[in-house]
Amino acid sequence: MENSMTTPTIEVVDYDEPQWKEIDESRYAHVGDLTIKDFPEIQTGKKQVPFRELEFDHGPIDDEVLTKATEMKCRQPSRAEVETYIRKWYTSEQLAKNPRVGLIGPVVRRFGNPSRVYVYANEDGVKLRCSSADVPWAQRCCFVVVCNE
C-alpha cells in the first residue's frame, strides 16, 4: 500500500540564488566526491512549485518511486527544489523519524554500477549523495516530487 500527500504544498523556489550555482560544503552534512556537474540547475527565476511526498509500505527502489510519481503526474525535483522544500518544512526531529529524499536526474554508471545522485535529509542534516539505483530504500523514507504544472 502506497501513500502520498493528497494536495500539493506550494513553495516559491528562487533558481537564481547563488547557492544553486555551486556546492558550498559548509551547508551540508555530507557531499563526498560530488560536484555541481552532478546537480545541474536549468530553471531560472522565481517560481511557485507544487510538491508532494510519496510514502511506501515497503522499501522501494528508485524505479518504483519514479513510476508512482509519473502516475501522479509528478516529476523528479531539482536540487534547488527539493532543498528549498525540505529546509523550509522539516526539523531534524521530524527528519529523524522519516528522512526526506529527492531523486535527482537520470541513472548514470558510477563505479560500474547504475547509480543516481540524490538529496537526503535526516537528523544529521542535508546530504548530497550518489548510490545504487536498484537497492531498496528504507521504508521510513519519504520521497519529495514536483507536480507537473
C-alpha atoms as a PDB file:
ATOM      1  CA  MET A   1       0.000   0.000   0.000  1.00  0.00           C
ATOM      2  CA  GLU A   2       1.452   3.340  -1.032  1.00  0.00           C
ATOM      3  CA  ASN A   3       0.540   6.671   0.466  1.00  0.00           C
ATOM      4  CA  SER A   4       1.052  10.243  -0.682  1.00  0.00           C
ATOM      5  CA  MET A   5       0.059  13.750   0.266  1.00  0.00           C
ATOM      6  CA  THR A   6      -3.405  14.413  -1.121  1.00  0.00           C
ATOM      7  CA  THR A   7      -2.891  18.051  -2.020  1.00  0.00           C
ATOM      8  CA  PRO A   8       0.330  19.648  -3.190  1.00  0.00           C
ATOM      9  CA  THR A   9       2.264  22.024  -0.955  1.00  0.00           C
ATOM     10  CA  ILE A  10       3.235  25.170  -2.866  1.00  0.00           C
ATOM     11  CA  GLU A  11       6.611  26.752  -2.204  1.00  0.00           C
ATOM     12  CA  VAL A  12       8.447  29.551  -4.038  1.00  0.00           C
ATOM     13  CA  VAL A  13      11.808  28.421  -5.403  1.00  0.00           C
ATOM     14  CA  ASP A  14      14.366  31.019  -6.470  1.00  0.00           C
ATOM     15  CA  TYR A  15      16.515  29.203  -9.004  1.00  0.00           C
ATOM     16  CA  ASP A  16      18.827  32.199  -9.396  1.00  0.00           C
ATOM     17  CA  GLU A  17      20.140  32.129  -5.807  1.00  0.00           C
ATOM     18  CA  PRO A  18      23.942  31.707  -5.806  1.00  0.00           C
ATOM     19  CA  GLN A  19      23.753  28.572  -3.636  1.00  0.00           C
ATOM     20  CA  TRP A  20      22.393  26.592  -6.624  1.00  0.00           C
ATOM     21  CA  LYS A  21      25.348  27.561  -8.840  1.00  0.00           C
ATOM     22  CA  GLU A  22      27.919  25.859  -6.613  1.00  0.00           C
ATOM     23  CA  ILE A  23      28.157  23.365  -3.786  1.00  0.00           C
ATOM     24  CA  ASP A  24      29.132  25.042  -0.541  1.00  0.00           C
ATOM     25  CA  GLU A  25      30.162  22.086   1.614  1.00  0.00           C
ATOM     26  CA  SER A  26      29.518  24.096   4.800  1.00  0.00           C
ATOM     27  CA  ARG A  27      25.745  23.843   4.078  1.00  0.00           C
ATOM     28  CA  TYR A  28      25.781  20.029   4.078  1.00  0.00           C
ATOM     29  CA  ALA A  29      26.330  17.170   6.469  1.00  0.00           C
ATOM     30  CA  HIS A  30      27.928  15.216   3.595  1.00  0.00           C
ATOM     31  CA  VAL A  31      28.952  15.870  -0.015  1.00  0.00           C
ATOM     32  CA  GLY A  32      31.685  13.361  -0.805  1.00  0.00           C
ATOM     33  CA  ASP A  33      33.108  13.470  -4.331  1.00  0.00           C
ATOM     34  CA  LEU A  34      30.031  15.067  -5.925  1.00  0.00           C
ATOM     35  CA  THR A  35      30.319  18.335  -7.825  1.00  0.00           C
ATOM     36  CA  ILE A  36      27.916  20.915  -9.232  1.00  0.00           C
ATOM     37  CA  LYS A  37      28.019  18.956 -12.523  1.00  0.00           C
ATOM     38  CA  ASP A  38      26.113  16.188 -10.722  1.00  0.00           C
ATOM     39  CA  PHE A  39      23.307  18.646  -9.845  1.00  0.00           C
ATOM     40  CA  PRO A  40      22.748  20.891 -12.874  1.00  0.00           C
ATOM     41  CA  GLU A  41      20.070  23.560 -12.460  1.00  0.00           C
ATOM     42  CA  ILE A  42      18.345  24.513 -15.692  1.00  0.00           C
ATOM     43  CA  GLN A  43      15.466  26.592 -14.311  1.00  0.00           C
ATOM     44  CA  THR A  44      15.798  30.344 -13.818  1.00  0.00           C
ATOM     45  CA  GLY A  45      13.839  32.991 -11.973  1.00  0.00           C
ATOM     46  CA  LYS A  46      11.389  32.529  -9.115  1.00  0.00           C
ATOM     47  CA  LYS A  47       8.539  30.081  -9.483  1.00  0.00           C
ATOM     48  CA  GLN A  48       5.780  28.658  -7.359  1.00  0.00           C
ATOM     49  CA  VAL A  49       6.432  24.924  -7.251  1.00  0.00           C
ATOM     50  CA  PRO A  50       3.842  22.327  -6.152  1.00  0.00           C
ATOM     51  CA  PHE A  51       5.359  19.494  -4.072  1.00  0.00           C
ATOM     52  CA  ARG A  52       4.061  16.104  -2.991  1.00  0.00           C
ATOM     53  CA  GLU A  53       5.617  13.392  -0.873  1.00  0.00           C
ATOM     54  CA  LEU A  54       5.414   9.703  -1.635  1.00  0.00           C
ATOM     55  CA  GLU A  55       5.458   7.027   1.048  1.00  0.00           C
ATOM     56  CA  PHE A  56       5.553   3.262   0.634  1.00  0.00           C
ATOM     57  CA  ASP A  57       4.717   0.323   2.887  1.00  0.00           C
ATOM     58  CA  HIS A  58       7.965  -1.330   1.822  1.00  0.00           C
ATOM     59  CA  GLY A  59      11.456  -0.260   0.827  1.00  0.00           C
ATOM     60  CA  PRO A  60      11.039   0.848  -2.798  1.00  0.00           C
ATOM     61  CA  ILE A  61      13.746   1.042  -5.427  1.00  0.00           C
ATOM     62  CA  ASP A  62      14.173   4.217  -7.492  1.00  0.00           C
ATOM     63  CA  ASP A  63      12.095   2.914 -10.418  1.00  0.00           C
ATOM     64  CA  GLU A  64       9.101   2.285  -8.142  1.00  0.00           C
ATOM     65  CA  VAL A  65       9.309   5.804  -6.747  1.00  0.00           C
ATOM     66  CA  LEU A  66       9.587   7.371 -10.199  1.00  0.00           C
ATOM     67  CA  THR A  67       6.777   5.218 -11.638  1.00  0.00           C
ATOM     68  CA  LYS A  68       4.469   6.281  -8.809  1.00  0.00           C
ATOM     69  CA  ALA A  69       5.463   9.921  -9.349  1.00  0.00           C
ATOM     70  CA  THR A  70       4.659   9.652 -13.057  1.00  0.00           C
ATOM     71  CA  GLU A  71       1.283   8.052 -12.289  1.00  0.00           C
ATOM     72  CA  MET A  72       0.520  11.053 -10.083  1.00  0.00           C
ATOM     73  CA  LYS A  73       1.614  13.418 -12.876  1.00  0.00           C
ATOM     74  CA  CYS A  74       4.725  14.411 -10.937  1.00  0.00           C
ATOM     75  CA  ARG A  75       8.442  14.512 -11.747  1.00  0.00           C
ATOM     76  CA  GLN A  76      11.812  14.365 -10.047  1.00  0.00           C
ATOM     77  CA  PRO A  77      12.836  17.551  -8.240  1.00  0.00           C
ATOM     78  CA  SER A  78      15.990  19.513  -8.890  1.00  0.00           C
ATOM     79  CA  ARG A  79      18.433  20.166  -6.064  1.00  0.00           C
ATOM     80  CA  ALA A  80      17.108  23.730  -5.684  1.00  0.00           C
ATOM     81  CA  GLU A  81      13.540  22.475  -5.455  1.00  0.00           C
ATOM     82  CA  VAL A  82      13.983  19.633  -3.003  1.00  0.00           C
ATOM     83  CA  GLU A  83      16.343  21.573  -0.727  1.00  0.00           C
ATOM     84  CA  THR A  84      14.078  24.630  -0.651  1.00  0.00           C
ATOM     85  CA  TYR A  85      11.161  22.412   0.352  1.00  0.00           C
ATOM     86  CA  ILE A  86      12.976  20.295   2.953  1.00  0.00           C
ATOM     87  CA  ARG A  87      14.817  23.179   4.628  1.00  0.00           C
ATOM     88  CA  LYS A  88      11.571  25.169   4.942  1.00  0.00           C
ATOM     89  CA  TRP A  89       9.241  22.462   6.240  1.00  0.00           C
ATOM     90  CA  TYR A  90      11.238  19.999   8.378  1.00  0.00           C
ATOM     91  CA  THR A  91      13.128  19.956  11.651  1.00  0.00           C
ATOM     92  CA  SER A  92      15.889  17.476  12.441  1.00  0.00           C
ATOM     93  CA  GLU A  93      13.473  15.727  14.842  1.00  0.00           C
ATOM     94  CA  GLN A  94      10.949  15.178  12.053  1.00  0.00           C
ATOM     95  CA  LEU A  95      13.663  14.039   9.653  1.00  0.00           C
ATOM     96  CA  ALA A  96      14.960  11.540  12.234  1.00  0.00           C
ATOM     97  CA  LYS A  97      11.607   9.787  12.105  1.00  0.00           C
ATOM     98  CA  ASN A  98      11.091   9.996   8.332  1.00  0.00           C
ATOM     99  CA  PRO A  99      14.059  11.099   6.194  1.00  0.00           C
ATOM    100  CA  ARG A 100      13.224  13.011   3.009  1.00  0.00           C
ATOM    101  CA  VAL A 101      14.754  12.019  -0.311  1.00  0.00           C
ATOM    102  CA  GLY A 102      14.856  13.838  -3.639  1.00  0.00           C
ATOM    103  CA  LEU A 103      15.985  11.608  -6.505  1.00  0.00           C
ATOM    104  CA  ILE A 104      17.848  13.843  -8.957  1.00  0.00           C
ATOM    105  CA  GLY A 105      18.457  13.172 -12.622  1.00  0.00           C
ATOM    106  CA  PRO A 106      18.922  10.010 -14.653  1.00  0.00           C
ATOM    107  CA  VAL A 107      20.696   6.792 -13.828  1.00  0.00           C
ATOM    108  CA  VAL A 108      24.406   7.011 -14.608  1.00  0.00           C
ATOM    109  CA  ARG A 109      27.186   4.433 -14.438  1.00  0.00           C
ATOM    110  CA  ARG A 110      29.356   5.192 -11.460  1.00  0.00           C
ATOM    111  CA  PHE A 111      31.995   2.751 -10.280  1.00  0.00           C
ATOM    112  CA  GLY A 112      30.499   0.223 -12.700  1.00  0.00           C
ATOM    113  CA  ASN A 113      27.013   0.321 -11.174  1.00  0.00           C
ATOM    114  CA  PRO A 114      23.776   2.017 -12.206  1.00  0.00           C
ATOM    115  CA  SER A 115      23.608   4.945  -9.789  1.00  0.00           C
ATOM    116  CA  ARG A 116      21.671   8.151  -9.221  1.00  0.00           C
ATOM    117  CA  VAL A 117      22.506  11.316  -7.295  1.00  0.00           C
ATOM    118  CA  TYR A 118      20.068  12.413  -4.646  1.00  0.00           C
ATOM    119  CA  VAL A 119      19.437  14.831  -1.814  1.00  0.00           C
ATOM    120  CA  TYR A 120      18.928  13.056   1.507  1.00  0.00           C
ATOM    121  CA  ALA A 121      17.870  14.789   4.711  1.00  0.00           C
ATOM    122  CA  ASN A 122      17.760  13.179   8.148  1.00  0.00           C
ATOM    123  CA  GLU A 123      18.533  14.190  11.729  1.00  0.00           C
ATOM    124  CA  ASP A 124      22.199  14.770  10.790  1.00  0.00           C
ATOM    125  CA  GLY A 125      21.312  17.369   8.146  1.00  0.00           C
ATOM    126  CA  VAL A 126      21.073  17.614   4.379  1.00  0.00           C
ATOM    127  CA  LYS A 127      23.402  15.402   2.347  1.00  0.00           C
ATOM    128  CA  LEU A 128      24.278  15.174  -1.327  1.00  0.00           C
ATOM    129  CA  ARG A 129      24.897  11.575  -2.266  1.00  0.00           C
ATOM    130  CA  CYS A 130      25.072   9.035  -5.036  1.00  0.00           C
ATOM    131  CA  SER A 131      24.209   5.375  -4.679  1.00  0.00           C
ATOM    132  CA  SER A 132      22.936   2.333  -6.500  1.00  0.00           C
ATOM    133  CA  ALA A 133      19.616   2.945  -8.252  1.00  0.00           C
ATOM    134  CA  ASP A 134      18.413  -0.615  -7.696  1.00  0.00           C
ATOM    135  CA  VAL A 135      18.937  -1.047  -3.954  1.00  0.00           C
ATOM    136  CA  PRO A 136      15.756  -0.614  -1.875  1.00  0.00           C
ATOM    137  CA  TRP A 137      15.360   2.465   0.309  1.00  0.00           C
ATOM    138  CA  ALA A 138      14.311   2.191   3.944  1.00  0.00           C
ATOM    139  CA  GLN A 139      10.536   2.008   4.306  1.00  0.00           C
ATOM    140  CA  ARG A 140      10.516   5.085   6.565  1.00  0.00           C
ATOM    141  CA  CYS A 141      11.843   7.360   3.774  1.00  0.00           C
ATOM    142  CA  CYS A 142       9.502   9.887   2.163  1.00  0.00           C
ATOM    143  CA  PHE A 143      10.209  10.936  -1.427  1.00  0.00           C
ATOM    144  CA  VAL A 144       9.764  14.545  -2.494  1.00  0.00           C
ATOM    145  CA  VAL A 145       8.442  15.036  -6.034  1.00  0.00           C
ATOM    146  CA  VAL A 146       7.250  18.038  -8.015  1.00  0.00           C
ATOM    147  CA  CYS A 147       3.784  18.119  -9.560  1.00  0.00           C
ATOM    148  CA  ASN A 148       3.627  18.948 -13.248  1.00  0.00           C
ATOM    149  CA  GLU A 149       2.023  22.297 -13.903  1.00  0.00           C
END
